[in-house]
Protein backbone atom coordinates (compact mmCIF):
# COMPACT_ATOMS: atom_id res chain seq x y z
CA UNK A 1 -8.61 17.14 -6.40
CA UNK A 2 -5.37 15.16 -6.96
CA UNK A 3 -7.02 13.42 -10.51
CA UNK A 4 -4.63 11.39 -12.77
CA UNK A 5 -5.19 9.63 -15.28
CA UNK A 6 -4.32 5.52 -15.21
CA UNK A 7 -1.24 4.87 -18.39
CA UNK A 8 -1.42 1.33 -17.99
CA UNK A 9 -3.83 -0.97 -16.15
CA UNK A 10 -3.56 -2.57 -13.26
CA UNK A 11 -4.93 -5.74 -11.53
CA UNK A 12 -4.04 -6.18 -8.16
CA UNK A 13 -1.30 -9.46 -7.25
CA UNK A 14 -3.16 -10.12 -3.88
CA UNK A 15 -7.09 -11.47 -3.82
CA UNK A 16 -6.44 -11.69 0.39
CA UNK A 17 -4.92 -8.36 1.26
CA UNK A 18 -3.48 -7.65 4.88
CA UNK A 19 -5.74 -5.75 7.18
CA UNK A 20 -4.13 -3.91 10.23
CA UNK A 21 -5.09 -1.81 12.97
CA UNK A 22 -3.84 0.41 15.64
CA UNK A 23 -1.88 -1.89 18.16
CA UNK A 24 -1.40 -4.64 16.70
CA UNK A 25 1.94 -6.80 16.38
CA UNK A 26 3.52 -7.84 13.03
CA UNK A 27 6.70 -10.02 12.50
CA UNK A 28 9.41 -7.49 10.55
CA UNK A 29 11.22 -10.01 7.56
CA UNK A 30 12.46 -7.53 4.65
CA UNK A 31 12.58 -4.39 3.61
CA UNK A 32 11.84 -3.50 -0.26
CA UNK A 33 14.82 -3.03 -2.14
CA UNK A 34 13.88 -1.96 -5.32
CA UNK A 35 14.92 1.59 -4.93
CA UNK A 36 11.46 2.83 -6.30
CA UNK A 37 9.35 1.34 -3.48
CA UNK A 38 12.04 1.93 -0.13
CA UNK A 39 9.98 2.09 2.58
CA UNK A 40 7.73 -0.88 2.25
CA UNK A 41 8.68 -3.92 4.50
CA UNK A 42 6.97 -7.51 4.90
CA UNK A 43 5.16 -8.11 7.35
CA UNK A 44 3.01 -11.15 9.17
CA UNK A 45 0.39 -11.14 11.44
CA UNK A 46 -1.30 -13.89 13.13
CA UNK A 47 -3.39 -14.21 10.22
CA UNK A 48 -1.96 -13.20 7.01
CA UNK A 49 1.23 -11.05 5.91
CA UNK A 50 2.25 -8.72 2.98
CA UNK A 51 3.92 -5.43 2.42
CA UNK A 52 3.19 -2.56 4.69
CA UNK A 53 4.87 0.89 4.89
CA UNK A 54 7.83 1.57 7.54
CA UNK A 55 5.75 4.82 8.31
CA UNK A 56 2.93 3.44 10.30
CA UNK A 57 5.32 0.95 12.49
CA UNK A 58 6.96 1.48 15.87
CA UNK A 59 10.04 -0.54 15.09
CA UNK A 60 11.24 -2.86 18.26
CA UNK A 61 15.26 -1.99 18.54
CA UNK A 62 16.10 -5.47 17.63
CA UNK A 63 14.28 -4.59 13.87
CA UNK A 64 12.36 -7.55 14.48
CA UNK A 65 8.51 -6.81 15.20
CA UNK A 66 6.63 -3.31 15.26
CA UNK A 67 3.11 -2.07 16.65
CA UNK A 68 1.13 -0.81 14.21
CA UNK A 69 0.16 3.04 14.81
CA UNK A 70 -2.88 3.81 12.46
CA UNK A 71 -5.53 1.74 10.57
CA UNK A 72 -3.75 -0.09 7.19
CA UNK A 73 -5.43 -2.29 4.90
CA UNK A 74 -2.35 -3.66 2.08
CA UNK A 75 -6.03 -3.52 -0.67
CA UNK A 76 -4.91 -2.95 -4.19
CA UNK A 77 -7.02 -0.66 -6.63
CA UNK A 78 -7.50 -2.31 -9.82
CA UNK A 79 -7.30 0.04 -13.08
CA UNK A 80 -8.03 0.11 -16.46
CA UNK A 81 -5.67 1.83 -18.55
CA UNK A 82 -7.73 5.63 -19.38
CA UNK A 83 -9.53 6.00 -15.80
CA UNK A 84 -8.88 8.40 -13.60
CA UNK A 85 -8.03 8.16 -10.19
CA UNK A 86 -8.10 10.62 -7.12
CA UNK A 87 -5.05 10.15 -5.05
CA UNK A 88 -6.10 10.58 -1.40
CA UNK A 89 -2.12 9.43 0.21
CA UNK A 90 1.08 9.19 -1.01
CA UNK A 91 3.71 7.08 0.24
CA UNK A 92 6.50 5.43 -0.65
CA UNK A 93 6.02 5.60 -4.98
CA UNK A 94 2.37 4.10 -4.22
CA UNK A 95 -0.92 6.13 -3.31
CA UNK A 96 -4.24 5.09 -1.84
CA UNK A 97 -6.75 6.14 -4.49
CA UNK A 98 -9.98 6.27 -5.58
CA UNK A 99 -10.88 5.21 -9.04
CA UNK A 100 -13.57 7.48 -9.82
CA UNK A 101 -14.82 5.24 -12.31
CA UNK A 102 -15.53 2.53 -10.25
CA UNK A 103 -15.92 4.04 -6.72
CA UNK A 104 -13.58 1.70 -5.40
CA UNK A 105 -10.04 2.68 -3.50
CA UNK A 106 -6.84 1.09 -2.84
CA UNK A 107 -3.47 1.02 -3.33
CA UNK A 108 -1.72 1.91 -6.83
CA UNK A 109 1.48 2.46 -7.98
CA UNK A 110 2.67 5.97 -8.56
CA UNK A 111 4.81 4.91 -11.89
CA UNK A 112 1.21 3.74 -13.93
CA UNK A 113 -0.32 7.53 -13.39
CA UNK A 114 -0.09 10.36 -15.83
CA UNK A 115 -1.13 13.82 -15.58
């Protein structure tokens, strides 16, 4: 198990996270410029917007839209300092993780996870 201790509490910044299904089309707005989170792009669906990893997109030639290649939710994980999480999937400075105290799953920044 990839078990890590949270070294700084984290609270989700988005109360209504973007959720996409395979085959959905999104408009692409801008790529993340901060080096530690490169690989995320702001995308707009018909109903919502949020950051998504470029790895799950088939991007159009003009780079203005993309087709989603796999289910994705931008749900972030709330965690308190001292909680332990299990990292399930890491992408671009973030990890889809499970909080072992609460059982909740979501994305959390790698920078706040220790060993």
